[in-house]
Amino acid sequence: MGEAEQRNDSMIDLAALGSLFVEIFGASKEWTVPKIVRFDPLDDAENEQVVRDLRARGHRLDWVYEHRLRQLKRDGYKPVFERDRVGRPSVFMDLKSELILVHKPPAAD
């Protein structure tokens, strides 16, 4: 058996490891699908630490219709999100879940 074959035998199958994690630890949709944090009025989002940090770094922040998110991602925007203590993501939306808060780094303008 050659050296390359020996290395392949000892490599971990990441897909199998991921499915094992789901089975053992009960990781599910709640860990991968962001929770929604709703704001009304929208200005209340300015009190969130992640929003203050992005503004301090010069990011542009906008509330946009969620259905435009795919197009805006191509233009350099990303949804504003924060992780809770165990690492689950949360995104910021309006009360009706129509608008989502996005940001764009200053260098991407």
PDB file of N, CA and C in Angstrom:
ATOM      1  N   MET A   1       0.851  -1.168   0.000  1.00  0.00           N
ATOM      2  CA  MET A   1       0.000   0.000   0.000  1.00  0.00           C
ATOM      3  C   MET A   1       0.896   1.229   0.000  1.00  0.00           C
ATOM      4  N   GLY A   2       0.618   2.195  -0.900  1.00  0.00           N
ATOM      5  CA  GLY A   2       1.425   3.400  -1.012  1.00  0.00           C
ATOM      6  C   GLY A   2       1.123   4.391   0.091  1.00  0.00           C
ATOM      7  N   GLU A   3       1.975   5.410   0.191  1.00  0.00           N
ATOM      8  CA  GLU A   3       1.811   6.430   1.240  1.00  0.00           C
ATOM      9  C   GLU A   3       0.493   7.191   1.095  1.00  0.00           C
ATOM     10  N   ALA A   4       0.098   7.520  -0.142  1.00  0.00           N
ATOM     11  CA  ALA A   4      -1.155   8.254  -0.373  1.00  0.00           C
ATOM     12  C   ALA A   4      -2.353   7.417   0.064  1.00  0.00           C
ATOM     13  N   GLU A   5      -2.313   6.120  -0.207  1.00  0.00           N
ATOM     14  CA  GLU A   5      -3.416   5.248   0.192  1.00  0.00           C
ATOM     15  C   GLU A   5      -3.509   5.151   1.712  1.00  0.00           C
ATOM     16  N   GLN A   6      -2.363   5.113   2.387  1.00  0.00           N
ATOM     17  CA  GLN A   6      -2.372   5.042   3.841  1.00  0.00           C
ATOM     18  C   GLN A   6      -2.983   6.307   4.436  1.00  0.00           C
ATOM     19  N   ARG A   7      -2.668   7.467   3.852  1.00  0.00           N
ATOM     20  CA  ARG A   7      -3.229   8.716   4.358  1.00  0.00           C
ATOM     21  C   ARG A   7      -4.743   8.735   4.185  1.00  0.00           C
ATOM     22  N   ASN A   8      -5.266   8.254   3.077  1.00  0.00           N
ATOM     23  CA  ASN A   8      -6.703   8.234   2.837  1.00  0.00           C
ATOM     24  C   ASN A   8      -7.425   7.328   3.817  1.00  0.00           C
ATOM     25  N   ASP A   9      -6.774   6.221   4.226  1.00  0.00           N
ATOM     26  CA  ASP A   9      -7.393   5.307   5.168  1.00  0.00           C
ATOM     27  C   ASP A   9      -7.560   5.939   6.548  1.00  0.00           C
ATOM     28  N   SER A  10      -6.690   6.856   6.900  1.00  0.00           N
ATOM     29  CA  SER A  10      -6.750   7.429   8.239  1.00  0.00           C
ATOM     30  C   SER A  10      -7.535   8.739   8.298  1.00  0.00           C
ATOM     31  N   MET A  11      -7.991   9.256   7.153  1.00  0.00           N
ATOM     32  CA  MET A  11      -8.736  10.516   7.138  1.00  0.00           C
ATOM     33  C   MET A  11     -10.147  10.304   7.679  1.00  0.00           C
ATOM     34  N   ILE A  12     -10.673  11.311   8.329  1.00  0.00           N
ATOM     35  CA  ILE A  12     -12.012  11.256   8.900  1.00  0.00           C
ATOM     36  C   ILE A  12     -13.018  11.639   7.828  1.00  0.00           C
ATOM     37  N   ASP A  13     -14.090  10.896   7.733  1.00  0.00           N
ATOM     38  CA  ASP A  13     -15.176  11.219   6.819  1.00  0.00           C
ATOM     39  C   ASP A  13     -16.037  12.273   7.494  1.00  0.00           C
ATOM     40  N   LEU A  14     -15.900  13.535   7.040  1.00  0.00           N
ATOM     41  CA  LEU A  14     -16.580  14.643   7.699  1.00  0.00           C
ATOM     42  C   LEU A  14     -18.098  14.539   7.603  1.00  0.00           C
ATOM     43  N   ALA A  15     -18.611  14.029   6.501  1.00  0.00           N
ATOM     44  CA  ALA A  15     -20.062  13.877   6.368  1.00  0.00           C
ATOM     45  C   ALA A  15     -20.582  12.869   7.387  1.00  0.00           C
ATOM     46  N   ALA A  16     -19.856  11.783   7.561  1.00  0.00           N
ATOM     47  CA  ALA A  16     -20.271  10.774   8.541  1.00  0.00           C
ATOM     48  C   ALA A  16     -20.168  11.340   9.956  1.00  0.00           C
ATOM     49  N   LEU A  17     -19.135  12.104  10.205  1.00  0.00           N
ATOM     50  CA  LEU A  17     -18.969  12.717  11.514  1.00  0.00           C
ATOM     51  C   LEU A  17     -20.111  13.696  11.800  1.00  0.00           C
ATOM     52  N   GLY A  18     -20.521  14.460  10.786  1.00  0.00           N
ATOM     53  CA  GLY A  18     -21.631  15.394  10.954  1.00  0.00           C
ATOM     54  C   GLY A  18     -22.933  14.690  11.266  1.00  0.00           C
ATOM     55  N   SER A  19     -23.207  13.603  10.561  1.00  0.00           N
ATOM     56  CA  SER A  19     -24.449  12.871  10.827  1.00  0.00           C
ATOM     57  C   SER A  19     -24.404  12.211  12.203  1.00  0.00           C
ATOM     58  N   LEU A  20     -23.229  11.782  12.629  1.00  0.00           N
ATOM     59  CA  LEU A  20     -23.077  11.216  13.966  1.00  0.00           C
ATOM     60  C   LEU A  20     -23.360  12.280  15.028  1.00  0.00           C
ATOM     61  N   PHE A  21     -22.882  13.493  14.794  1.00  0.00           N
ATOM     62  CA  PHE A  21     -23.139  14.596  15.712  1.00  0.00           C
ATOM     63  C   PHE A  21     -24.640  14.845  15.855  1.00  0.00           C
ATOM     64  N   VAL A  22     -25.360  14.818  14.732  1.00  0.00           N
ATOM     65  CA  VAL A  22     -26.808  15.015  14.758  1.00  0.00           C
ATOM     66  C   VAL A  22     -27.477  13.924  15.589  1.00  0.00           C
ATOM     67  N   GLU A  23     -27.065  12.680  15.396  1.00  0.00           N
ATOM     68  CA  GLU A  23     -27.677  11.566  16.114  1.00  0.00           C
ATOM     69  C   GLU A  23     -27.370  11.610  17.611  1.00  0.00           C
ATOM     70  N   ILE A  24     -26.130  11.903  17.963  1.00  0.00           N
ATOM     71  CA  ILE A  24     -25.721  11.844  19.369  1.00  0.00           C
ATOM     72  C   ILE A  24     -26.196  13.063  20.149  1.00  0.00           C
ATOM     73  N   PHE A  25     -25.966  14.239  19.593  1.00  0.00           N
ATOM     74  CA  PHE A  25     -26.236  15.459  20.353  1.00  0.00           C
ATOM     75  C   PHE A  25     -27.580  16.090  20.034  1.00  0.00           C
ATOM     76  N   GLY A  26     -28.312  15.511  19.115  1.00  0.00           N
ATOM     77  CA  GLY A  26     -29.630  16.047  18.800  1.00  0.00           C
ATOM     78  C   GLY A  26     -29.574  17.366  18.057  1.00  0.00           C
ATOM     79  N   ALA A  27     -28.459  17.642  17.377  1.00  0.00           N
ATOM     80  CA  ALA A  27     -28.386  18.856  16.574  1.00  0.00           C
ATOM     81  C   ALA A  27     -29.466  18.769  15.513  1.00  0.00           C
ATOM     82  N   SER A  28     -30.169  19.840  15.336  1.00  0.00           N
ATOM     83  CA  SER A  28     -31.280  19.805  14.401  1.00  0.00           C
ATOM     84  C   SER A  28     -31.427  21.150  13.733  1.00  0.00           C
ATOM     85  N   LYS A  29     -32.575  21.338  13.115  1.00  0.00           N
ATOM     86  CA  LYS A  29     -32.872  22.561  12.398  1.00  0.00           C
ATOM     87  C   LYS A  29     -32.701  23.791  13.281  1.00  0.00           C
ATOM     88  N   GLU A  30     -33.001  23.677  14.567  1.00  0.00           N
ATOM     89  CA  GLU A  30     -32.907  24.833  15.458  1.00  0.00           C
ATOM     90  C   GLU A  30     -31.482  25.352  15.593  1.00  0.00           C
ATOM     91  N   TRP A  31     -30.493  24.545  15.268  1.00  0.00           N
ATOM     92  CA  TRP A  31     -29.100  24.979  15.347  1.00  0.00           C
ATOM     93  C   TRP A  31     -28.634  25.647  14.068  1.00  0.00           C
ATOM     94  N   THR A  32     -29.308  25.386  12.960  1.00  0.00           N
ATOM     95  CA  THR A  32     -28.840  25.912  11.684  1.00  0.00           C
ATOM     96  C   THR A  32     -29.729  27.006  11.127  1.00  0.00           C
ATOM     97  N   VAL A  33     -31.012  26.998  11.441  1.00  0.00           N
ATOM     98  CA  VAL A  33     -31.930  28.027  10.967  1.00  0.00           C
ATOM     99  C   VAL A  33     -31.941  29.154  12.000  1.00  0.00           C
ATOM    100  N   PRO A  34     -31.663  30.379  11.546  1.00  0.00           N
ATOM    101  CA  PRO A  34     -31.596  31.483  12.509  1.00  0.00           C
ATOM    102  C   PRO A  34     -32.928  31.751  13.196  1.00  0.00           C
ATOM    103  N   LYS A  35     -32.838  32.144  14.457  1.00  0.00           N
ATOM    104  CA  LYS A  35     -33.999  32.646  15.165  1.00  0.00           C
ATOM    105  C   LYS A  35     -34.218  34.072  14.681  1.00  0.00           C
ATOM    106  N   ILE A  36     -35.444  34.541  14.812  1.00  0.00           N
ATOM    107  CA  ILE A  36     -35.762  35.902  14.398  1.00  0.00           C
ATOM    108  C   ILE A  36     -35.975  36.755  15.639  1.00  0.00           C
ATOM    109  N   VAL A  37     -35.240  37.855  15.715  1.00  0.00           N
ATOM    110  CA  VAL A  37     -35.438  38.846  16.759  1.00  0.00           C
ATOM    111  C   VAL A  37     -36.185  39.994  16.090  1.00  0.00           C
ATOM    112  N   ARG A  38     -37.405  40.272  16.564  1.00  0.00           N
ATOM    113  CA  ARG A  38     -38.257  41.283  15.927  1.00  0.00           C
ATOM    114  C   ARG A  38     -38.143  42.624  16.648  1.00  0.00           C
ATOM    115  N   PHE A  39     -38.147  43.686  15.846  1.00  0.00           N
ATOM    116  CA  PHE A  39     -38.057  45.037  16.387  1.00  0.00           C
ATOM    117  C   PHE A  39     -39.225  45.883  15.911  1.00  0.00           C
ATOM    118  N   ASP A  40     -39.816  46.622  16.849  1.00  0.00           N
ATOM    119  CA  ASP A  40     -40.857  47.595  16.547  1.00  0.00           C
ATOM    120  C   ASP A  40     -40.818  48.637  17.654  1.00  0.00           C
ATOM    121  N   PRO A  41     -40.326  49.809  17.424  1.00  0.00           N
ATOM    122  CA  PRO A  41     -39.879  50.382  16.166  1.00  0.00           C
ATOM    123  C   PRO A  41     -38.495  49.844  15.764  1.00  0.00           C
ATOM    124  N   LEU A  42     -38.191  50.017  14.486  1.00  0.00           N
ATOM    125  CA  LEU A  42     -36.931  49.484  13.952  1.00  0.00           C
ATOM    126  C   LEU A  42     -35.713  50.117  14.613  1.00  0.00           C
ATOM    127  N   ASP A  43     -35.838  51.339  15.060  1.00  0.00           N
ATOM    128  CA  ASP A  43     -34.708  52.032  15.704  1.00  0.00           C
ATOM    129  C   ASP A  43     -34.235  51.331  16.973  1.00  0.00           C
ATOM    130  N   ASP A  44     -35.072  50.485  17.556  1.00  0.00           N
ATOM    131  CA  ASP A  44     -34.663  49.759  18.759  1.00  0.00           C
ATOM    132  C   ASP A  44     -33.478  48.831  18.501  1.00  0.00           C
ATOM    133  N   ALA A  45     -33.262  48.448  17.257  1.00  0.00           N
ATOM    134  CA  ALA A  45     -32.122  47.589  16.925  1.00  0.00           C
ATOM    135  C   ALA A  45     -30.799  48.301  17.185  1.00  0.00           C
ATOM    136  N   GLU A  46     -30.821  49.634  17.202  1.00  0.00           N
ATOM    137  CA  GLU A  46     -29.604  50.404  17.461  1.00  0.00           C
ATOM    138  C   GLU A  46     -29.046  50.133  18.854  1.00  0.00           C
ATOM    139  N   ASN A  47     -29.849  49.598  19.753  1.00  0.00           N
ATOM    140  CA  ASN A  47     -29.401  49.287  21.110  1.00  0.00           C
ATOM    141  C   ASN A  47     -28.639  47.969  21.195  1.00  0.00           C
ATOM    142  N   GLU A  48     -28.654  47.179  20.124  1.00  0.00           N
ATOM    143  CA  GLU A  48     -27.971  45.882  20.128  1.00  0.00           C
ATOM    144  C   GLU A  48     -26.467  46.079  19.940  1.00  0.00           C
ATOM    145  N   GLN A  49     -25.678  45.345  20.698  1.00  0.00           N
ATOM    146  CA  GLN A  49     -24.218  45.482  20.655  1.00  0.00           C
ATOM    147  C   GLN A  49     -23.661  45.208  19.262  1.00  0.00           C
ATOM    148  N   VAL A  50     -24.164  44.194  18.585  1.00  0.00           N
ATOM    149  CA  VAL A  50     -23.638  43.857  17.259  1.00  0.00           C
ATOM    150  C   VAL A  50     -23.866  45.013  16.286  1.00  0.00           C
ATOM    151  N   VAL A  51     -24.984  45.701  16.390  1.00  0.00           N
ATOM    152  CA  VAL A  51     -25.280  46.840  15.512  1.00  0.00           C
ATOM    153  C   VAL A  51     -24.328  47.992  15.839  1.00  0.00           C
ATOM    154  N   ARG A  52     -24.123  48.266  17.107  1.00  0.00           N
ATOM    155  CA  ARG A  52     -23.196  49.338  17.507  1.00  0.00           C
ATOM    156  C   ARG A  52     -21.777  49.032  17.031  1.00  0.00           C
ATOM    157  N   ASP A  53     -21.372  47.760  17.137  1.00  0.00           N
ATOM    158  CA  ASP A  53     -20.024  47.370  16.693  1.00  0.00           C
ATOM    159  C   ASP A  53     -19.860  47.545  15.184  1.00  0.00           C
ATOM    160  N   LEU A  54     -20.870  47.152  14.411  1.00  0.00           N
ATOM    161  CA  LEU A  54     -20.801  47.298  12.959  1.00  0.00           C
ATOM    162  C   LEU A  54     -20.734  48.774  12.570  1.00  0.00           C
ATOM    163  N   ARG A  55     -21.540  49.598  13.204  1.00  0.00           N
ATOM    164  CA  ARG A  55     -21.516  51.052  12.918  1.00  0.00           C
ATOM    165  C   ARG A  55     -20.141  51.637  13.252  1.00  0.00           C
ATOM    166  N   ALA A  56     -19.570  51.219  14.369  1.00  0.00           N
ATOM    167  CA  ALA A  56     -18.257  51.726  14.784  1.00  0.00           C
ATOM    168  C   ALA A  56     -17.170  51.358  13.777  1.00  0.00           C
ATOM    169  N   ARG A  57     -17.335  50.237  13.097  1.00  0.00           N
ATOM    170  CA  ARG A  57     -16.354  49.816  12.082  1.00  0.00           C
ATOM    171  C   ARG A  57     -16.665  50.406  10.710  1.00  0.00           C
ATOM    172  N   GLY A  58     -17.689  51.261  10.631  1.00  0.00           N
ATOM    173  CA  GLY A  58     -17.990  51.951   9.376  1.00  0.00           C
ATOM    174  C   GLY A  58     -18.910  51.208   8.423  1.00  0.00           C
ATOM    175  N   HIS A  59     -19.559  50.154   8.891  1.00  0.00           N
ATOM    176  CA  HIS A  59     -20.462  49.402   8.024  1.00  0.00           C
ATOM    177  C   HIS A  59     -21.718  50.219   7.727  1.00  0.00           C
ATOM    178  N   ARG A  60     -22.242  50.026   6.536  1.00  0.00           N
ATOM    179  CA  ARG A  60     -23.528  50.613   6.178  1.00  0.00           C
ATOM    180  C   ARG A  60     -24.611  49.622   6.594  1.00  0.00           C
ATOM    181  N   LEU A  61     -25.632  50.094   7.302  1.00  0.00           N
ATOM    182  CA  LEU A  61     -26.733  49.234   7.732  1.00  0.00           C
ATOM    183  C   LEU A  61     -28.029  49.730   7.110  1.00  0.00           C
ATOM    184  N   ASP A  62     -28.850  48.796   6.636  1.00  0.00           N
ATOM    185  CA  ASP A  62     -30.123  49.125   6.015  1.00  0.00           C
ATOM    186  C   ASP A  62     -31.153  48.069   6.359  1.00  0.00           C
ATOM    187  N   TRP A  63     -32.404  48.495   6.452  1.00  0.00           N
ATOM    188  CA  TRP A  63     -33.530  47.574   6.550  1.00  0.00           C
ATOM    189  C   TRP A  63     -34.038  47.367   5.131  1.00  0.00           C
ATOM    190  N   VAL A  64     -34.077  46.125   4.669  1.00  0.00           N
ATOM    191  CA  VAL A  64     -34.506  45.828   3.300  1.00  0.00           C
ATOM    192  C   VAL A  64     -35.562  44.727   3.319  1.00  0.00           C
ATOM    193  N   TYR A  65     -36.360  44.681   2.251  1.00  0.00           N
ATOM    194  CA  TYR A  65     -37.336  43.604   2.138  1.00  0.00           C
ATOM    195  C   TYR A  65     -36.605  42.279   1.995  1.00  0.00           C
ATOM    196  N   GLU A  66     -37.058  41.297   2.743  1.00  0.00           N
ATOM    197  CA  GLU A  66     -36.401  39.986   2.812  1.00  0.00           C
ATOM    198  C   GLU A  66     -36.296  39.346   1.432  1.00  0.00           C
ATOM    199  N   HIS A  67     -37.272  39.562   0.562  1.00  0.00           N
ATOM    200  CA  HIS A  67     -37.229  38.929  -0.761  1.00  0.00           C
ATOM    201  C   HIS A  67     -36.121  39.510  -1.647  1.00  0.00           C
ATOM    202  N   ARG A  68     -35.522  40.629  -1.260  1.00  0.00           N
ATOM    203  CA  ARG A  68     -34.409  41.225  -2.017  1.00  0.00           C
ATOM    204  C   ARG A  68     -33.041  40.764  -1.513  1.00  0.00           C
ATOM    205  N   LEU A  69     -33.033  39.935  -0.501  1.00  0.00           N
ATOM    206  CA  LEU A  69     -31.779  39.553   0.143  1.00  0.00           C
ATOM    207  C   LEU A  69     -30.798  38.876  -0.813  1.00  0.00           C
ATOM    208  N   ARG A  70     -31.274  38.000  -1.658  1.00  0.00           N
ATOM    209  CA  ARG A  70     -30.372  37.297  -2.590  1.00  0.00           C
ATOM    210  C   ARG A  70     -29.639  38.294  -3.488  1.00  0.00           C
ATOM    211  N   GLN A  71     -30.351  39.255  -4.042  1.00  0.00           N
ATOM    212  CA  GLN A  71     -29.729  40.262  -4.900  1.00  0.00           C
ATOM    213  C   GLN A  71     -28.723  41.100  -4.118  1.00  0.00           C
ATOM    214  N   LEU A  72     -29.101  41.505  -2.925  1.00  0.00           N
ATOM    215  CA  LEU A  72     -28.212  42.338  -2.119  1.00  0.00           C
ATOM    216  C   LEU A  72     -26.950  41.599  -1.696  1.00  0.00           C
ATOM    217  N   LYS A  73     -27.042  40.296  -1.490  1.00  0.00           N
ATOM    218  CA  LYS A  73     -25.839  39.515  -1.154  1.00  0.00           C
ATOM    219  C   LYS A  73     -24.824  39.595  -2.286  1.00  0.00           C
ATOM    220  N   ARG A  74     -25.317  39.597  -3.517  1.00  0.00           N
ATOM    221  CA  ARG A  74     -24.399  39.736  -4.665  1.00  0.00           C
ATOM    222  C   ARG A  74     -23.723  41.107  -4.663  1.00  0.00           C
ATOM    223  N   ASP A  75     -24.363  42.089  -4.072  1.00  0.00           N
ATOM    224  CA  ASP A  75     -23.817  43.448  -3.996  1.00  0.00           C
ATOM    225  C   ASP A  75     -22.964  43.670  -2.745  1.00  0.00           C
ATOM    226  N   GLY A  76     -22.710  42.620  -1.976  1.00  0.00           N
ATOM    227  CA  GLY A  76     -21.824  42.725  -0.820  1.00  0.00           C
ATOM    228  C   GLY A  76     -22.504  42.855   0.528  1.00  0.00           C
ATOM    229  N   TYR A  77     -23.831  42.855   0.552  1.00  0.00           N
ATOM    230  CA  TYR A  77     -24.553  42.947   1.821  1.00  0.00           C
ATOM    231  C   TYR A  77     -24.670  41.567   2.463  1.00  0.00           C
ATOM    232  N   LYS A  78     -24.742  41.566   3.779  1.00  0.00           N
ATOM    233  CA  LYS A  78     -24.963  40.340   4.547  1.00  0.00           C
ATOM    234  C   LYS A  78     -25.978  40.645   5.635  1.00  0.00           C
ATOM    235  N   PRO A  79     -26.782  39.656   6.025  1.00  0.00           N
ATOM    236  CA  PRO A  79     -27.699  39.897   7.146  1.00  0.00           C
ATOM    237  C   PRO A  79     -26.915  40.145   8.434  1.00  0.00           C
ATOM    238  N   VAL A  80     -27.421  41.044   9.241  1.00  0.00           N
ATOM    239  CA  VAL A  80     -26.845  41.249  10.567  1.00  0.00           C
ATOM    240  C   VAL A  80     -27.325  40.099  11.431  1.00  0.00           C
ATOM    241  N   PHE A  81     -26.404  39.414  12.075  1.00  0.00           N
ATOM    242  CA  PHE A  81     -26.804  38.333  12.970  1.00  0.00           C
ATOM    243  C   PHE A  81     -25.885  38.319  14.174  1.00  0.00           C
ATOM    244  N   GLU A  82     -26.392  37.737  15.222  1.00  0.00           N
ATOM    245  CA  GLU A  82     -25.575  37.513  16.404  1.00  0.00           C
ATOM    246  C   GLU A  82     -25.825  36.095  16.878  1.00  0.00           C
ATOM    247  N   ARG A  83     -24.890  35.572  17.607  1.00  0.00           N
ATOM    248  CA  ARG A  83     -25.015  34.209  18.131  1.00  0.00           C
ATOM    249  C   ARG A  83     -25.318  34.265  19.625  1.00  0.00           C
ATOM    250  N   ASP A  84     -26.162  33.321  20.059  1.00  0.00           N
ATOM    251  CA  ASP A  84     -26.440  33.250  21.490  1.00  0.00           C
ATOM    252  C   ASP A  84     -25.293  32.535  22.190  1.00  0.00           C
ATOM    253  N   ARG A  85     -25.432  32.284  23.473  1.00  0.00           N
ATOM    254  CA  ARG A  85     -24.335  31.696  24.269  1.00  0.00           C
ATOM    255  C   ARG A  85     -23.875  30.337  23.761  1.00  0.00           C
ATOM    256  N   VAL A  86     -24.764  29.593  23.112  1.00  0.00           N
ATOM    257  CA  VAL A  86     -24.371  28.262  22.632  1.00  0.00           C
ATOM    258  C   VAL A  86     -24.087  28.250  21.142  1.00  0.00           C
ATOM    259  N   GLY A  87     -24.120  29.417  20.499  1.00  0.00           N
ATOM    260  CA  GLY A  87     -23.712  29.506  19.099  1.00  0.00           C
ATOM    261  C   GLY A  87     -24.822  29.524  18.065  1.00  0.00           C
ATOM    262  N   ARG A  88     -26.079  29.523  18.498  1.00  0.00           N
ATOM    263  CA  ARG A  88     -27.173  29.578  17.524  1.00  0.00           C
ATOM    264  C   ARG A  88     -27.332  30.993  16.993  1.00  0.00           C
ATOM    265  N   PRO A  89     -27.537  31.151  15.668  1.00  0.00           N
ATOM    266  CA  PRO A  89     -27.654  32.488  15.086  1.00  0.00           C
ATOM    267  C   PRO A  89     -29.045  33.091  15.260  1.00  0.00           C
ATOM    268  N   SER A  90     -29.096  34.416  15.332  1.00  0.00           N
ATOM    269  CA  SER A  90     -30.340  35.176  15.347  1.00  0.00           C
ATOM    270  C   SER A  90     -30.200  36.317  14.342  1.00  0.00           C
ATOM    271  N   VAL A  91     -31.248  36.554  13.544  1.00  0.00           N
ATOM    272  CA  VAL A  91     -31.265  37.676  12.613  1.00  0.00           C
ATOM    273  C   VAL A  91     -32.283  38.691  13.104  1.00  0.00           C
ATOM    274  N   PHE A  92     -32.150  39.924  12.638  1.00  0.00           N
ATOM    275  CA  PHE A  92     -33.014  41.008  13.072  1.00  0.00           C
ATOM    276  C   PHE A  92     -34.023  41.330  11.978  1.00  0.00           C
ATOM    277  N   MET A  93     -35.313  41.317  12.336  1.00  0.00           N
ATOM    278  CA  MET A  93     -36.382  41.607  11.382  1.00  0.00           C
ATOM    279  C   MET A  93     -37.407  42.523  12.032  1.00  0.00           C
ATOM    280  N   ASP A  94     -38.294  43.060  11.193  1.00  0.00           N
ATOM    281  CA  ASP A  94     -39.380  43.884  11.708  1.00  0.00           C
ATOM    282  C   ASP A  94     -40.468  42.994  12.291  1.00  0.00           C
ATOM    283  N   LEU A  95     -41.472  43.618  12.845  1.00  0.00           N
ATOM    284  CA  LEU A  95     -42.536  42.889  13.523  1.00  0.00           C
ATOM    285  C   LEU A  95     -43.282  41.928  12.594  1.00  0.00           C
ATOM    286  N   LYS A  96     -43.435  42.305  11.320  1.00  0.00           N
ATOM    287  CA  LYS A  96     -44.167  41.472  10.358  1.00  0.00           C
ATOM    288  C   LYS A  96     -43.262  40.480   9.617  1.00  0.00           C
ATOM    289  N   SER A  97     -41.979  40.464   9.930  1.00  0.00           N
ATOM    290  CA  SER A  97     -40.987  39.612   9.263  1.00  0.00           C
ATOM    291  C   SER A  97     -40.916  39.873   7.763  1.00  0.00           C
ATOM    292  N   GLU A  98     -41.056  41.147   7.386  1.00  0.00           N
ATOM    293  CA  GLU A  98     -40.919  41.542   5.991  1.00  0.00           C
ATOM    294  C   GLU A  98     -39.555  42.172   5.723  1.00  0.00           C
ATOM    295  N   LEU A  99     -39.049  42.894   6.705  1.00  0.00           N
ATOM    296  CA  LEU A  99     -37.775  43.593   6.559  1.00  0.00           C
ATOM    297  C   LEU A  99     -36.703  42.891   7.374  1.00  0.00           C
ATOM    298  N   ILE A 100     -35.495  42.869   6.823  1.00  0.00           N
ATOM    299  CA  ILE A 100     -34.361  42.266   7.519  1.00  0.00           C
ATOM    300  C   ILE A 100     -33.234  43.294   7.554  1.00  0.00           C
ATOM    301  N   LEU A 101     -32.525  43.324   8.658  1.00  0.00           N
ATOM    302  CA  LEU A 101     -31.410  44.254   8.811  1.00  0.00           C
ATOM    303  C   LEU A 101     -30.166  43.645   8.166  1.00  0.00           C
ATOM    304  N   VAL A 102     -29.556  44.395   7.236  1.00  0.00           N
ATOM    305  CA  VAL A 102     -28.357  43.939   6.542  1.00  0.00           C
ATOM    306  C   VAL A 102     -27.244  44.968   6.734  1.00  0.00           C
ATOM    307  N   HIS A 103     -26.018  44.513   6.489  1.00  0.00           N
ATOM    308  CA  HIS A 103     -24.866  45.413   6.588  1.00  0.00           C
ATOM    309  C   HIS A 103     -23.925  45.174   5.428  1.00  0.00           C
ATOM    310  N   LYS A 104     -23.130  46.207   5.145  1.00  0.00           N
ATOM    311  CA  LYS A 104     -22.135  46.126   4.079  1.00  0.00           C
ATOM    312  C   LYS A 104     -20.855  46.793   4.595  1.00  0.00           C
ATOM    313  N   PRO A 105     -19.730  46.082   4.526  1.00  0.00           N
ATOM    314  CA  PRO A 105     -18.475  46.668   4.994  1.00  0.00           C
ATOM    315  C   PRO A 105     -18.107  47.901   4.167  1.00  0.00           C
ATOM    316  N   PRO A 106     -17.404  48.849   4.761  1.00  0.00           N
ATOM    317  CA  PRO A 106     -17.062  50.080   4.031  1.00  0.00           C
ATOM    318  C   PRO A 106     -16.201  49.826   2.802  1.00  0.00           C
ATOM    319  N   ALA A 107     -15.332  48.839   2.825  1.00  0.00           N
ATOM    320  CA  ALA A 107     -14.455  48.553   1.684  1.00  0.00           C
ATOM    321  C   ALA A 107     -15.234  47.978   0.504  1.00  0.00           C
ATOM    322  N   ALA A 108     -16.427  47.472   0.755  1.00  0.00           N
ATOM    323  CA  ALA A 108     -17.207  46.844  -0.305  1.00  0.00           C
ATOM    324  C   ALA A 108     -18.055  47.836  -1.080  1.00  0.00           C
ATOM    325  N   ASP A 109     -18.042  49.117  -0.709  1.00  0.00           N
ATOM    326  CA  ASP A 109     -18.851  50.135  -1.405  1.00  0.00           C
ATOM    327  C   ASP A 109     -18.377  50.396  -2.797  1.00  0.00           C
TER     328      ASP A 109
END
